[in-house]
Amino acid sequence: MRRRIVMSMLAGAALLTSALLGTGAPAARAADVPAEFGTDWHDPVTATPPVSVPKGARSCQVTLAEAQFRDFTPYRGTYTPPRGCGDRWSKVVLRLDGKVKGRQYDRLGYLHVGGVEVLRTSTPEPSPDGIEWHVEKDVTRYSDTFRGTQDVEMLIGNVVDDTYTGVIDVKATLTFYAGRPRASVPDKVLTLAGGTTLTTPRNSERVVAEVYATGSGGGCEEFWYLTVADPASYSCKADKGPYREVQIKVDGRLAGIAAPFPNVWTGGWSDPFLWYVIPAPRAFDVRPIEYDLTPFAGLLDDGRPHQVEVSVAGVPEGQAGWSAPVNVLVWQDAHRAQVTGALTGAEASEPVNSSVYTPGSGEYRVDTDAGHRLTVSGYVDTSYGRVTTTVNRTLANTSVHRWNDGETTDALDATWTDDQSVTVKAGGVPRTTRTDRTYTMNGATTIGTGDRLRTRLTLGDRAAVRRSGGGWSRLDDTYSGDATYTLDVPRDQRHAVGTSSERYRLYGPEGCYDRSLATEQGVLTVDRERC
């Protein structure tokens, strides 16, 4: 029985502010809900808000990529900037349209423009009759990249054979809206030469790194939050248990720490029937981890190449499974050719990582309590005076993992917190932005009588932002699902049933967004907005 659960889980993503848009169809009545899943279901949809665009602005559209993915051959093309919308834009929106039918696993993919990663995504698993899905993403921050002709590379690694028949057909476009953006956008968007080397402009006054960190590859690092250390007997092992931390270093110095988001792809937790209509949060638009490297700007502004390296603490030595491409966003001082400064402090606590195994009579448990803290500070002397930036980041992870002999019951209750404050002092006035992130995962997979596999799972993605002067926002994206099917039988004999729901709430001084979705047996039964 243990092998059945593990192999089903490992069959998920076996390869490498946004919205997933629905079809607009109304929610079904109870009488329209079938007794079990059939051969078709509602197209994927999430409760995430659509990207807002300026009304009445002139717009231009450019096709980035149009391809069918059958294997691991990347699409390669050329991007040319749009005509008729200038070279400054109030908003740039990336849209991915996809379709697939037949039988196929979930797959991971990326889209690069000029070497800059503008999208990391996964795919839904299709029905025999076929599905379509659409993803939007605000990519205004990459405007510098879009101003020139660039190489385009896209890959959604796939396998098509007599069993897995789904060809993934996608089209990616950019829509440009003329005008000035509401928020400051980077002057430069850089990538790391040779994968680790960065040379910034000498007048850089703010530096932010983006890391699209994903555990995948079809191995245990796709389910890193379930791994256990010896002497526990479990199918996925790691030397120090499930704690993972994404670290970034500049010239060998620890510059940033972050908790990875516990991504769940559309084959995750052994039960694709959970995800056919509503995917897990972030599944189709993997958001990058952001690190404010401004305390290091004075060091980076010397015109020399510097080593910038990303690693994932907790991964067993020599074990693959993580991808972590890096973009570096730079804001420049328009009135100085060179900005000087210095790193004034970098202090990290000793990492805490306790993973306690409790054996029982046929039932086992691992309790994990881990965390880390980092403070970095530095200054730059700009054309408008000295600016000091201090970044504090504190991580914590607690989890309880329970399983039985054969792993026919496998349960996890986990919470990750990633709290950050960035204080910028200019002209003697400090201004602080505090962001508190919380990720939660609570669920269990069991195999019961008649090889019926059931998964119940609740996922949470929450963030609260507070700024000096009263600015604030609060996000709560919660998914819940419960699905059951029969293992190791043809699709038409699985007798699958399942419900899923999502509620996405976003509040701030400018208003609120609150949308709820619910499904039964692949039919959308609730689509309600409260704001």
Protein backbone atom coordinates (compact mmCIF):
# COMPACT_ATOMS: atom_id res chain seq x y z
CA MET A 1 0.00 0.00 0.00
CA ARG A 2 2.83 2.41 0.86
CA ARG A 3 4.25 2.23 -2.65
CA ARG A 4 0.85 3.08 -4.13
CA ILE A 5 0.58 6.40 -2.33
CA VAL A 6 4.19 7.43 -2.87
CA MET A 7 4.30 6.60 -6.57
CA SER A 8 1.03 8.42 -7.12
CA MET A 9 2.43 11.49 -5.40
CA LEU A 10 5.68 11.37 -7.34
CA ALA A 11 3.78 11.22 -10.63
CA GLY A 12 2.89 14.92 -10.22
CA ALA A 13 4.92 17.79 -11.70
CA ALA A 14 7.64 15.52 -12.95
CA LEU A 15 9.50 18.20 -14.92
CA LEU A 16 10.85 21.23 -14.43
CA THR A 17 -0.17 39.74 -8.73
CA SER A 18 -2.01 37.47 -11.24
CA ALA A 19 -5.24 35.80 -12.21
CA LEU A 20 -6.48 32.53 -13.67
CA LEU A 21 -9.56 33.42 -15.62
CA GLY A 22 -12.69 31.30 -15.89
CA THR A 23 -15.05 30.91 -18.80
CA GLY A 24 -17.65 33.22 -17.34
CA ALA A 25 -20.31 30.50 -17.24
CA PRO A 26 -22.78 30.70 -14.32
CA ALA A 27 -22.55 28.27 -11.43
CA ALA A 28 -24.55 25.07 -11.88
CA ARG A 29 -27.70 24.12 -9.99
CA ALA A 30 -27.63 21.13 -7.64
CA ALA A 31 -29.65 19.12 -10.16
CA ASP A 32 -26.82 19.52 -12.71
CA VAL A 33 -24.19 17.90 -10.50
CA PRO A 34 -23.41 14.28 -11.52
CA ALA A 35 -23.09 11.50 -8.96
CA GLU A 36 -19.39 11.11 -9.84
CA PHE A 37 -16.76 12.53 -12.19
CA GLY A 38 -17.38 11.87 -15.87
CA THR A 39 -15.18 12.44 -18.93
CA ASP A 40 -15.45 16.22 -18.90
CA TRP A 41 -15.48 18.99 -16.30
CA HIS A 42 -15.43 22.75 -15.93
CA ASP A 43 -12.36 24.55 -17.25
CA PRO A 44 -9.85 25.55 -14.54
CA VAL A 45 -10.70 28.73 -12.64
CA THR A 46 -9.48 30.48 -9.49
CA ALA A 47 -10.92 33.18 -7.27
CA THR A 48 -7.84 35.37 -7.79
CA PRO A 49 -8.70 38.90 -9.03
CA PRO A 50 -8.01 39.84 -12.63
CA VAL A 51 -5.19 42.28 -13.39
CA SER A 52 -6.57 45.81 -13.30
CA VAL A 53 -5.82 47.90 -16.41
CA PRO A 54 -6.17 51.64 -17.05
CA LYS A 55 -9.47 52.57 -18.65
CA GLY A 56 -9.34 54.37 -21.96
CA ALA A 57 -5.58 53.97 -22.41
CA ARG A 58 -4.20 53.16 -25.84
CA SER A 59 -3.07 49.53 -25.96
CA CYS A 60 -0.90 47.35 -28.18
CA GLN A 61 -0.49 43.56 -28.18
CA VAL A 62 2.55 41.44 -29.06
CA THR A 63 2.71 37.64 -29.32
CA LEU A 64 5.62 36.27 -27.31
CA ALA A 65 5.28 32.57 -28.02
CA GLU A 66 2.91 30.12 -29.70
CA ALA A 67 3.83 26.45 -29.38
CA GLN A 68 2.75 22.88 -28.83
CA PHE A 69 4.82 21.00 -26.25
CA ARG A 70 5.26 17.26 -26.78
CA ASP A 71 8.74 16.75 -25.29
CA PHE A 72 11.61 18.74 -23.80
CA THR A 73 12.33 20.90 -26.84
CA PRO A 74 12.08 24.60 -25.93
CA TYR A 75 10.25 27.10 -28.09
CA ARG A 76 12.65 29.81 -29.27
CA GLY A 77 11.65 33.03 -30.96
CA THR A 78 12.25 36.77 -31.06
CA TYR A 79 10.38 39.55 -29.28
CA THR A 80 10.06 42.97 -30.92
CA PRO A 81 8.71 45.96 -28.94
CA PRO A 82 5.21 47.15 -29.86
CA ARG A 83 4.59 50.05 -32.20
CA GLY A 84 2.12 52.80 -31.41
CA CYS A 85 2.29 52.68 -27.59
CA GLY A 86 5.59 54.47 -26.96
CA ASP A 87 8.33 53.03 -24.73
CA ARG A 88 6.82 53.91 -21.33
CA TRP A 89 3.76 52.00 -20.21
CA SER A 90 1.29 52.37 -17.37
CA LYS A 91 0.72 48.62 -17.32
CA VAL A 92 2.09 45.55 -19.13
CA VAL A 93 0.00 42.39 -18.88
CA LEU A 94 1.18 38.90 -19.78
CA ARG A 95 -1.53 36.44 -20.79
CA LEU A 96 -1.08 32.71 -21.27
CA ASP A 97 -3.82 30.77 -23.10
CA GLY A 98 -3.57 27.00 -22.96
CA LYS A 99 -5.48 23.91 -24.00
CA VAL A 100 -4.92 20.18 -23.66
CA LYS A 101 -7.01 17.02 -23.88
CA GLY A 102 -6.64 13.28 -23.38
CA ARG A 103 -4.44 11.97 -20.57
CA GLN A 104 -1.51 13.91 -19.16
CA TYR A 105 0.30 14.66 -15.92
CA ASP A 106 0.83 18.17 -14.60
CA ARG A 107 3.95 19.79 -16.03
CA LEU A 108 6.15 22.70 -14.97
CA GLY A 109 7.24 25.41 -17.35
CA TYR A 110 8.91 28.79 -17.75
CA LEU A 111 8.92 31.78 -20.09
CA HIS A 112 12.08 33.86 -20.55
CA VAL A 113 12.43 37.16 -22.41
CA GLY A 114 16.01 38.31 -22.87
CA GLY A 115 17.02 35.76 -20.25
CA VAL A 116 14.63 37.29 -17.70
CA GLU A 117 12.11 34.88 -16.21
CA VAL A 118 8.73 36.57 -16.62
CA LEU A 119 6.57 33.52 -15.81
CA ARG A 120 6.95 30.20 -14.02
CA THR A 121 3.89 28.02 -14.33
CA SER A 122 2.42 24.56 -14.05
CA THR A 123 -0.40 23.00 -16.03
CA PRO A 124 -3.79 21.46 -15.22
CA GLU A 125 -4.44 17.78 -15.85
CA PRO A 126 -6.93 17.42 -18.72
CA SER A 127 -10.20 15.61 -19.22
CA PRO A 128 -10.54 13.20 -22.17
CA ASP A 129 -12.75 15.80 -23.87
CA GLY A 130 -10.27 18.63 -23.32
CA ILE A 131 -9.92 21.77 -21.23
CA GLU A 132 -8.77 25.36 -21.74
CA TRP A 133 -7.25 27.72 -19.20
CA HIS A 134 -6.00 31.29 -19.11
CA VAL A 135 -3.48 33.02 -16.84
CA GLU A 136 -2.83 36.75 -16.50
CA LYS A 137 0.11 38.41 -14.76
CA ASP A 138 1.15 42.01 -14.22
CA VAL A 139 4.68 42.22 -15.64
CA THR A 140 5.08 46.01 -15.66
CA ARG A 141 8.20 45.67 -13.49
CA TYR A 142 10.02 44.10 -16.47
CA SER A 143 9.43 47.14 -18.73
CA ASP A 144 13.17 47.70 -19.17
CA THR A 145 13.46 44.25 -20.76
CA PHE A 146 10.52 44.90 -23.09
CA ARG A 147 11.99 48.11 -24.56
CA GLY A 148 14.40 46.27 -26.85
CA THR A 149 14.43 43.31 -29.21
CA GLN A 150 14.98 40.14 -27.19
CA ASP A 151 15.33 36.39 -27.53
CA VAL A 152 12.35 34.41 -26.22
CA GLU A 153 12.55 30.93 -24.75
CA MET A 154 9.65 28.91 -23.39
CA LEU A 155 9.45 25.32 -22.21
CA ILE A 156 6.76 23.19 -20.66
CA GLY A 157 8.55 19.84 -20.55
CA ASN A 158 6.16 17.10 -21.60
CA VAL A 159 5.96 13.41 -22.50
CA VAL A 160 3.56 12.21 -25.19
CA ASP A 161 3.26 8.50 -25.95
CA ASP A 162 0.61 5.80 -26.23
CA THR A 163 -0.40 6.33 -22.59
CA TYR A 164 0.09 10.05 -22.00
CA THR A 165 -1.59 11.61 -25.03
CA GLY A 166 -2.03 15.25 -23.99
CA VAL A 167 -0.21 17.75 -26.20
CA ILE A 168 0.06 21.10 -24.37
CA ASP A 169 -0.94 23.91 -26.75
CA VAL A 170 -0.16 27.45 -25.51
CA LYS A 171 -0.02 31.04 -26.68
CA ALA A 172 1.62 33.85 -24.67
CA THR A 173 0.97 37.52 -25.39
CA LEU A 174 1.90 40.89 -23.91
CA THR A 175 -0.54 43.80 -23.85
CA PHE A 176 0.95 47.27 -23.35
CA TYR A 177 -1.04 50.24 -22.05
CA ALA A 178 0.43 53.66 -22.85
CA GLY A 179 1.05 56.12 -20.03
CA ARG A 180 2.95 56.38 -16.76
CA PRO A 181 2.87 53.55 -14.21
CA ARG A 182 1.33 54.32 -10.81
CA ALA A 183 4.31 52.86 -8.95
CA SER A 184 8.03 53.22 -9.55
CA VAL A 185 9.37 50.52 -11.87
CA PRO A 186 12.99 49.36 -12.05
CA ASP A 187 15.35 51.18 -14.39
CA LYS A 188 17.21 47.94 -15.15
CA VAL A 189 16.30 44.25 -15.04
CA LEU A 190 19.40 42.05 -14.89
CA THR A 191 20.15 38.35 -14.93
CA LEU A 192 23.20 36.60 -13.49
CA ALA A 193 26.04 36.07 -15.97
CA GLY A 194 27.08 32.44 -15.92
CA GLY A 195 24.39 31.81 -13.33
CA THR A 196 26.21 33.46 -10.39
CA THR A 197 27.87 36.74 -11.46
CA LEU A 198 26.24 40.17 -11.19
CA THR A 199 27.51 43.57 -12.32
CA THR A 200 25.16 46.44 -11.49
CA PRO A 201 25.21 50.02 -12.80
CA ARG A 202 27.49 52.20 -10.64
CA ASN A 203 24.62 54.52 -9.71
CA SER A 204 22.29 51.82 -8.35
CA GLU A 205 20.42 53.14 -5.30
CA ARG A 206 17.99 50.26 -4.77
CA VAL A 207 18.50 46.56 -5.60
CA VAL A 208 15.91 43.77 -5.32
CA ALA A 209 16.48 40.13 -6.26
CA GLU A 210 13.66 37.83 -7.39
CA VAL A 211 14.03 34.06 -7.03
CA TYR A 212 11.48 31.73 -8.64
CA ALA A 213 12.16 28.86 -6.23
CA THR A 214 10.28 25.59 -6.84
CA GLY A 215 10.80 22.11 -5.49
CA SER A 216 9.90 19.72 -8.30
CA GLY A 217 11.41 17.15 -10.59
CA GLY A 218 9.13 14.27 -9.62
CA GLY A 219 11.24 13.32 -6.59
CA CYS A 220 10.90 13.82 -2.87
CA GLU A 221 11.82 17.52 -3.02
CA GLU A 222 8.45 18.12 -4.69
CA PHE A 223 7.02 17.10 -1.30
CA TRP A 224 9.85 18.48 0.85
CA TYR A 225 7.42 19.33 3.65
CA LEU A 226 6.81 15.58 4.21
CA THR A 227 10.43 14.41 4.33
CA VAL A 228 11.82 12.85 7.51
CA ALA A 229 15.27 12.15 8.92
CA ASP A 230 16.68 8.89 10.22
CA PRO A 231 15.81 6.85 12.22
CA ALA A 232 12.20 7.37 11.08
CA SER A 233 11.00 4.87 8.50
CA TYR A 234 9.33 6.77 5.67
CA SER A 235 9.56 6.76 1.89
CA CYS A 236 10.94 10.32 1.52
CA LYS A 237 14.08 11.04 3.52
CA ALA A 238 16.14 14.15 4.23
CA ASP A 239 19.15 14.45 6.52
CA LYS A 240 17.56 17.09 8.79
CA GLY A 241 13.86 16.65 8.11
CA PRO A 242 11.38 18.92 6.29
CA TYR A 243 12.71 22.43 7.05
CA ARG A 244 13.73 24.31 3.91
CA GLU A 245 15.09 27.84 3.63
CA VAL A 246 15.94 29.69 0.41
CA GLN A 247 19.11 31.70 0.97
CA ILE A 248 20.84 34.30 -1.17
CA LYS A 249 24.48 35.28 -0.67
CA VAL A 250 26.50 38.20 -2.05
CA ASP A 251 30.23 37.49 -2.28
CA GLY A 252 29.79 34.67 0.19
CA ARG A 253 27.90 36.76 2.77
CA LEU A 254 24.37 35.81 3.74
CA ALA A 255 22.21 38.59 2.26
CA GLY A 256 18.68 37.20 2.48
CA ILE A 257 16.61 34.31 3.81
CA ALA A 258 13.06 33.23 2.96
CA ALA A 259 10.54 30.46 3.48
CA PRO A 260 9.68 28.70 0.21
CA PHE A 261 5.99 28.59 -0.62
CA PRO A 262 4.65 24.99 -0.29
CA ASN A 263 3.49 24.69 -3.90
CA VAL A 264 1.07 21.88 -4.71
CA TRP A 265 0.74 21.04 -8.39
CA THR A 266 -2.39 19.57 -9.98
CA GLY A 267 -1.42 15.94 -9.36
CA GLY A 268 -0.36 16.65 -5.79
CA TRP A 269 -1.27 14.72 -2.65
CA SER A 270 -2.04 11.59 -4.72
CA ASP A 271 -5.40 12.97 -5.87
CA PRO A 272 -5.84 14.91 -9.16
CA PHE A 273 -9.60 15.05 -8.55
CA LEU A 274 -8.90 17.78 -5.99
CA TRP A 275 -7.50 20.12 -8.63
CA TYR A 276 -9.38 19.57 -11.90
CA VAL A 277 -11.32 22.83 -11.60
CA ILE A 278 -9.72 24.86 -8.79
CA PRO A 279 -5.91 24.60 -8.57
CA ALA A 280 -3.97 25.19 -5.37
CA PRO A 281 -2.90 28.79 -4.65
CA ARG A 282 -0.09 29.96 -6.95
CA ALA A 283 -0.05 26.72 -8.95
CA PHE A 284 -0.38 28.41 -12.35
CA ASP A 285 1.56 31.57 -11.49
CA VAL A 286 4.51 30.79 -9.24
CA ARG A 287 5.39 34.04 -7.48
CA PRO A 288 9.05 34.82 -6.92
CA ILE A 289 10.60 35.28 -3.50
CA GLU A 290 11.82 38.88 -3.17
CA TYR A 291 14.99 39.92 -1.35
CA ASP A 292 15.77 43.58 -0.73
CA LEU A 293 19.53 43.74 -1.36
CA THR A 294 19.71 47.55 -1.05
CA PRO A 295 21.98 47.29 2.05
CA PHE A 296 24.55 45.78 -0.36
CA ALA A 297 24.14 48.52 -3.01
CA GLY A 298 27.23 50.44 -1.85
CA LEU A 299 29.28 47.26 -2.25
CA LEU A 300 27.75 46.38 -5.62
CA ASP A 301 28.25 49.89 -7.06
CA ASP A 302 32.03 49.51 -7.45
CA GLY A 303 31.64 48.48 -11.12
CA ARG A 304 33.11 45.03 -10.54
CA PRO A 305 31.41 41.66 -10.95
CA HIS A 306 30.10 40.13 -7.73
CA GLN A 307 29.07 36.59 -6.85
CA VAL A 308 25.36 36.15 -6.14
CA GLU A 309 24.39 32.61 -5.22
CA VAL A 310 21.08 31.02 -4.24
CA SER A 311 20.82 27.77 -2.29
CA VAL A 312 18.13 25.82 -0.46
CA ALA A 313 19.13 24.86 3.07
CA GLY A 314 17.84 21.47 4.17
CA VAL A 315 18.17 19.66 0.84
CA PRO A 316 20.33 16.53 1.25
CA GLU A 317 23.77 16.98 -0.28
CA GLY A 318 23.86 15.97 -3.93
CA GLN A 319 20.08 15.68 -4.21
CA ALA A 320 18.41 17.47 -7.11
CA GLY A 321 14.87 18.77 -7.28
CA TRP A 322 15.03 22.56 -6.81
CA SER A 323 15.06 25.25 -9.45
CA ALA A 324 15.85 28.84 -8.43
CA PRO A 325 16.35 31.27 -11.36
CA VAL A 326 17.18 34.85 -10.37
CA ASN A 327 16.22 38.28 -11.74
CA VAL A 328 17.77 41.43 -10.26
CA LEU A 329 15.77 44.67 -10.34
CA VAL A 330 17.73 47.94 -10.09
CA TRP A 331 16.62 51.52 -9.49
CA GLN A 332 19.24 54.14 -10.47
CA ASP A 333 20.05 57.67 -9.28
CA ALA A 334 19.21 59.79 -12.34
CA HIS A 335 21.47 62.65 -11.18
CA ARG A 336 24.68 60.79 -10.41
CA ALA A 337 26.92 58.60 -12.51
CA GLN A 338 28.14 56.80 -9.42
CA VAL A 339 26.65 56.20 -5.99
CA THR A 340 28.91 55.24 -3.08
CA GLY A 341 28.02 53.57 0.17
CA ALA A 342 28.75 50.63 2.45
CA LEU A 343 27.33 47.59 4.15
CA THR A 344 27.24 48.50 7.84
CA GLY A 345 25.85 45.37 9.46
CA ALA A 346 24.89 41.76 8.83
CA GLU A 347 23.83 39.62 11.76
CA ALA A 348 22.19 36.19 11.64
CA SER A 349 20.93 34.06 14.48
CA GLU A 350 21.96 30.44 14.79
CA PRO A 351 19.43 28.42 12.73
CA VAL A 352 17.04 26.32 14.80
CA ASN A 353 15.95 22.98 13.35
CA SER A 354 14.44 20.43 15.71
CA SER A 355 12.78 17.41 14.13
CA VAL A 356 11.72 14.88 16.75
CA TYR A 357 10.66 11.37 15.77
CA THR A 358 8.17 9.51 17.98
CA PRO A 359 7.72 5.83 17.09
CA GLY A 360 4.54 4.01 18.06
CA SER A 361 2.77 0.72 17.60
CA GLY A 362 2.13 0.94 13.87
CA GLU A 363 1.78 4.73 13.99
CA TYR A 364 4.61 7.27 13.74
CA ARG A 365 5.06 11.00 14.23
CA VAL A 366 7.62 13.72 13.50
CA ASP A 367 7.34 17.14 15.18
CA THR A 368 9.35 19.91 13.55
CA ASP A 369 10.16 23.31 15.05
CA ALA A 370 12.59 25.41 13.02
CA GLY A 371 13.49 28.99 12.19
CA HIS A 372 16.12 31.62 11.47
CA ARG A 373 16.59 35.40 11.76
CA LEU A 374 18.71 37.83 9.71
CA THR A 375 19.32 41.59 9.92
CA VAL A 376 21.31 43.48 7.27
CA SER A 377 21.92 47.23 7.06
CA GLY A 378 23.74 49.59 4.71
CA TYR A 379 23.70 53.04 3.17
CA VAL A 380 24.15 54.84 -0.13
CA ASP A 381 25.04 58.52 -0.62
CA THR A 382 22.66 59.66 -3.33
CA SER A 383 22.13 62.99 -5.09
CA TYR A 384 19.47 63.78 -2.50
CA GLY A 385 21.45 62.71 0.57
CA ARG A 386 22.36 59.62 2.54
CA VAL A 387 19.80 56.80 2.51
CA THR A 388 20.11 53.98 5.03
CA THR A 389 18.24 50.70 4.56
CA THR A 390 17.79 48.03 7.23
CA VAL A 391 16.14 44.69 6.45
CA ASN A 392 15.00 42.35 9.21
CA ARG A 393 13.62 38.91 8.30
CA THR A 394 12.43 36.19 10.65
CA LEU A 395 11.39 32.68 9.57
CA ALA A 396 9.59 29.96 11.51
CA ASN A 397 8.18 26.54 10.63
CA THR A 398 6.19 24.16 12.83
CA SER A 399 4.70 20.90 11.63
CA VAL A 400 3.31 17.58 12.82
CA HIS A 401 3.61 14.68 10.37
CA ARG A 402 1.79 11.42 11.17
CA TRP A 403 1.70 8.15 9.24
CA ASN A 404 1.14 4.44 9.79
CA ASP A 405 2.70 1.17 8.67
CA GLY A 406 2.59 1.01 4.88
CA GLU A 407 1.77 4.74 4.74
CA THR A 408 -1.87 4.00 3.99
CA THR A 409 -2.52 6.97 6.24
CA ASP A 410 -0.30 10.02 5.76
CA ALA A 411 -1.18 13.35 7.43
CA LEU A 412 0.45 16.76 7.88
CA ASP A 413 -0.42 19.90 9.83
CA ALA A 414 2.15 22.63 9.03
CA THR A 415 2.59 26.39 9.30
CA TRP A 416 5.32 28.62 7.87
CA THR A 417 5.79 32.28 8.78
CA ASP A 418 8.06 34.71 6.93
CA ASP A 419 8.05 38.16 8.56
CA GLN A 420 10.03 41.04 7.12
CA SER A 421 10.50 44.73 7.90
CA VAL A 422 12.35 47.15 5.64
CA THR A 423 13.23 50.51 7.20
CA VAL A 424 14.49 53.28 4.89
CA LYS A 425 15.89 56.40 6.51
CA ALA A 426 16.32 59.43 4.28
CA GLY A 427 16.59 63.03 5.48
CA GLY A 428 16.43 61.83 9.07
CA VAL A 429 12.95 60.36 8.62
CA PRO A 430 12.64 56.55 8.87
CA ARG A 431 9.84 54.81 6.98
CA THR A 432 9.10 51.14 7.58
CA THR A 433 7.23 48.58 5.50
CA ARG A 434 6.38 45.41 7.39
CA THR A 435 5.19 42.28 5.56
CA ASP A 436 4.02 39.25 7.53
CA ARG A 437 3.45 36.12 5.43
CA THR A 438 1.82 32.90 6.66
CA TYR A 439 1.46 29.66 4.69
CA THR A 440 -0.56 26.73 6.04
CA MET A 441 -1.13 23.11 4.99
CA ASN A 442 -3.43 20.71 6.82
CA GLY A 443 -4.49 17.42 5.28
CA ALA A 444 -4.41 13.65 5.12
CA THR A 445 -4.38 10.93 2.48
CA THR A 446 -5.78 7.50 3.38
CA ILE A 447 -6.38 4.22 1.57
CA GLY A 448 -9.47 2.41 2.83
CA THR A 449 -11.63 -0.57 1.96
CA GLY A 450 -11.72 -1.50 -1.71
CA ASP A 451 -8.54 0.50 -2.45
CA ARG A 452 -10.48 3.75 -2.09
CA LEU A 453 -8.02 6.62 -1.75
CA ARG A 454 -9.30 9.77 -0.03
CA THR A 455 -7.52 13.08 0.36
CA ARG A 456 -8.71 15.98 2.48
CA LEU A 457 -6.60 19.12 2.32
CA THR A 458 -6.77 22.79 3.30
CA LEU A 459 -4.15 25.29 2.09
CA GLY A 460 -3.69 28.90 3.16
CA ASP A 461 -1.74 31.79 1.63
CA ARG A 462 -1.93 34.92 3.80
CA ALA A 463 -0.08 38.22 3.96
CA ALA A 464 -0.45 41.48 5.86
CA VAL A 465 1.42 44.63 4.82
CA ARG A 466 1.72 47.76 6.98
CA ARG A 467 3.53 50.96 6.00
CA SER A 468 4.55 54.01 7.98
CA GLY A 469 1.97 56.69 7.41
CA GLY A 470 -0.99 54.33 7.38
CA GLY A 471 -0.74 52.31 4.16
CA TRP A 472 -1.83 48.69 4.58
CA SER A 473 -3.26 45.63 2.82
CA ARG A 474 -4.39 42.17 3.87
CA LEU A 475 -4.61 39.00 1.77
CA ASP A 476 -6.23 35.65 2.60
CA ASP A 477 -6.38 32.96 -0.10
CA THR A 478 -7.77 29.67 1.27
CA TYR A 479 -8.35 26.42 -0.63
CA SER A 480 -10.15 23.31 0.71
CA GLY A 481 -10.74 19.97 -1.02
CA ASP A 482 -12.01 16.45 -0.32
CA ALA A 483 -11.84 13.80 -3.05
CA THR A 484 -12.05 9.99 -3.24
CA TYR A 485 -11.42 7.47 -6.02
CA THR A 486 -10.49 3.80 -6.55
CA LEU A 487 -6.81 3.05 -7.15
CA ASP A 488 -5.27 0.94 -9.91
CA VAL A 489 -8.34 0.67 -12.18
CA PRO A 490 -9.18 2.19 -15.58
CA ARG A 491 -10.42 5.78 -15.50
CA ASP A 492 -14.07 4.84 -16.08
CA GLN A 493 -13.97 2.52 -13.04
CA ARG A 494 -12.53 4.97 -10.51
CA HIS A 495 -15.98 6.17 -9.35
CA ALA A 496 -14.39 9.43 -8.30
CA VAL A 497 -16.20 12.04 -6.23
CA GLY A 498 -14.89 15.29 -4.88
CA THR A 499 -15.59 18.79 -3.68
CA SER A 500 -13.31 21.81 -3.67
CA SER A 501 -13.59 25.46 -2.75
CA GLU A 502 -11.55 28.64 -2.69
CA ARG A 503 -12.11 32.02 -1.10
CA TYR A 504 -9.81 34.90 -2.02
CA ARG A 505 -9.99 38.08 0.05
CA LEU A 506 -7.90 41.22 -0.46
CA TYR A 507 -8.51 44.35 1.62
CA GLY A 508 -6.86 47.75 1.63
CA PRO A 509 -7.53 51.50 1.77
CA GLU A 510 -8.67 51.45 -1.87
CA GLY A 511 -11.41 48.90 -1.23
CA CYS A 512 -11.87 45.15 -1.08
CA TYR A 513 -12.09 42.07 -3.26
CA ASP A 514 -13.83 38.94 -1.97
CA ARG A 515 -14.69 36.02 -4.26
CA SER A 516 -15.72 32.43 -3.44
CA LEU A 517 -15.80 29.37 -5.70
CA ALA A 518 -17.01 25.82 -5.04
CA THR A 519 -17.20 22.63 -7.10
CA GLU A 520 -18.74 19.16 -6.92
CA GLN A 521 -17.66 16.32 -9.22
CA GLY A 522 -16.00 18.81 -11.57
CA VAL A 523 -19.01 21.13 -11.81
CA LEU A 524 -18.73 24.74 -10.66
CA THR A 525 -21.56 25.17 -8.13
CA VAL A 526 -20.66 28.51 -6.49
CA ASP A 527 -19.18 31.67 -7.97
CA ARG A 528 -19.93 34.58 -5.67
CA GLU A 529 -18.43 38.02 -5.06
CA ARG A 530 -19.05 39.92 -1.83
CA CYS A 531 -17.36 43.29 -2.49
